[in-house]
Amino acid sequence: MELHATEGISVQQVADFAGVHRSYFSNMFTTQVGLPPLKYMQRIRMDKAKQLLKDTDVTVTEIALSLGYPNLYSFTRAFKIYYKVPPIMMRRTSS
């Protein structure tokens, strides 16, 4: 999951790859990791986004698309919900 989380993969695709039903995979994953698979993938994406915002000059749109978000709006909204600040503010506070 960590290798492909930034490619916009779904929990269904991961379950299919593992050869198990989605609900079984989700239940087992949550038991083992302590987070549902969707939240785990979101954490990976948000950690990567934060790192890119702080360590690079890549545009927010490029970051959004590189992390598997379909557009800037959906990324910005998800980022703000996760970190409580918009991506541009995260970038400014790291400068």
Protein backbone atom coordinates (compact mmCIF):
# COMPACT_ATOMS: atom_id res chain seq x y z
CA MET A 1 0.00 0.00 0.00
CA GLU A 2 2.81 2.40 0.83
CA LEU A 3 4.35 1.97 -2.60
CA HIS A 4 1.13 2.78 -4.45
CA ALA A 5 -0.89 4.96 -2.07
CA THR A 6 0.14 8.09 -3.95
CA GLU A 7 -1.20 6.66 -7.21
CA GLY A 8 -4.82 6.94 -6.19
CA ILE A 9 -5.36 3.23 -5.60
CA SER A 10 -8.54 2.09 -3.90
CA VAL A 11 -9.08 -0.26 -0.99
CA GLN A 12 -10.92 -2.53 -3.44
CA GLN A 13 -7.81 -2.74 -5.65
CA VAL A 14 -5.64 -3.65 -2.66
CA ALA A 15 -8.13 -6.30 -1.53
CA ASP A 16 -8.27 -7.70 -5.07
CA PHE A 17 -4.49 -7.85 -5.19
CA ALA A 18 -4.47 -9.70 -1.86
CA GLY A 19 -7.14 -12.06 -3.20
CA VAL A 20 -9.67 -11.41 -0.45
CA HIS A 21 -13.04 -9.71 -0.12
CA ARG A 22 -12.90 -5.96 0.55
CA SER A 23 -14.71 -6.14 3.90
CA TYR A 24 -12.49 -8.99 5.13
CA PHE A 25 -9.39 -7.07 4.08
CA SER A 26 -10.62 -3.89 5.77
CA ASN A 27 -11.45 -5.69 9.01
CA MET A 28 -8.13 -7.54 9.15
CA PHE A 29 -6.13 -4.46 8.20
CA THR A 30 -7.84 -2.35 10.86
CA THR A 31 -7.19 -5.04 13.48
CA GLN A 32 -3.50 -5.34 12.57
CA VAL A 33 -2.63 -1.70 11.86
CA GLY A 34 -5.08 0.12 14.08
CA LEU A 35 -6.45 2.28 11.25
CA PRO A 36 -8.89 1.52 8.46
CA PRO A 37 -7.13 1.14 5.09
CA LEU A 38 -8.60 4.35 3.70
CA LYS A 39 -7.37 6.38 6.68
CA TYR A 40 -3.96 4.71 6.41
CA MET A 41 -3.66 5.65 2.73
CA GLN A 42 -4.81 9.17 3.54
CA ARG A 43 -2.11 9.47 6.19
CA ILE A 44 0.54 8.36 3.70
CA ARG A 45 -0.68 10.92 1.15
CA MET A 46 -0.91 13.74 3.67
CA ASP A 47 2.55 13.01 5.10
CA LYS A 48 3.98 13.06 1.58
CA ALA A 49 2.11 16.27 0.75
CA LYS A 50 3.43 17.97 3.87
CA GLN A 51 6.97 16.90 3.05
CA LEU A 52 6.68 18.14 -0.53
CA LEU A 53 5.24 21.47 0.59
CA LYS A 54 8.03 22.01 3.08
CA ASP A 55 10.99 20.65 1.10
CA THR A 56 10.25 21.57 -2.53
CA ASP A 57 8.98 24.41 -4.70
CA VAL A 58 6.57 22.12 -6.58
CA THR A 59 3.20 23.80 -7.07
CA VAL A 60 0.26 22.73 -4.95
CA THR A 61 -1.53 21.56 -8.10
CA GLU A 62 1.42 19.37 -9.09
CA ILE A 63 1.54 17.92 -5.57
CA ALA A 64 -2.20 17.19 -5.68
CA LEU A 65 -1.97 15.40 -9.01
CA SER A 66 1.18 13.50 -8.03
CA LEU A 67 -0.59 12.13 -4.96
CA GLY A 68 -3.52 10.75 -6.91
CA TYR A 69 -6.04 13.52 -6.29
CA PRO A 70 -8.17 14.28 -9.36
CA ASN A 71 -7.87 18.06 -8.96
CA LEU A 72 -6.57 20.88 -6.78
CA TYR A 73 -9.90 21.42 -5.03
CA SER A 74 -10.25 17.88 -3.72
CA PHE A 75 -6.65 17.86 -2.51
CA THR A 76 -6.90 21.27 -0.83
CA ARG A 77 -10.12 20.28 0.89
CA ALA A 78 -8.67 16.96 2.13
CA PHE A 79 -5.46 18.65 3.28
CA LYS A 80 -7.31 21.35 5.20
CA ILE A 81 -9.53 18.78 6.92
CA TYR A 82 -6.50 16.66 7.85
CA TYR A 83 -4.09 19.40 9.03
CA LYS A 84 -6.60 22.16 9.86
CA VAL A 85 -4.72 24.59 7.58
CA PRO A 86 -4.68 24.97 3.79
CA PRO A 87 -1.61 23.70 1.92
CA ILE A 88 -0.36 27.20 1.12
CA MET A 89 -0.29 28.07 4.84
CA MET A 90 1.68 24.88 5.56
CA ARG A 91 4.21 25.97 2.96
CA ARG A 92 4.46 29.49 4.35
CA THR A 93 4.99 28.33 7.93
CA SER A 94 7.88 26.10 6.86
CA SER A 95 9.79 28.90 5.14
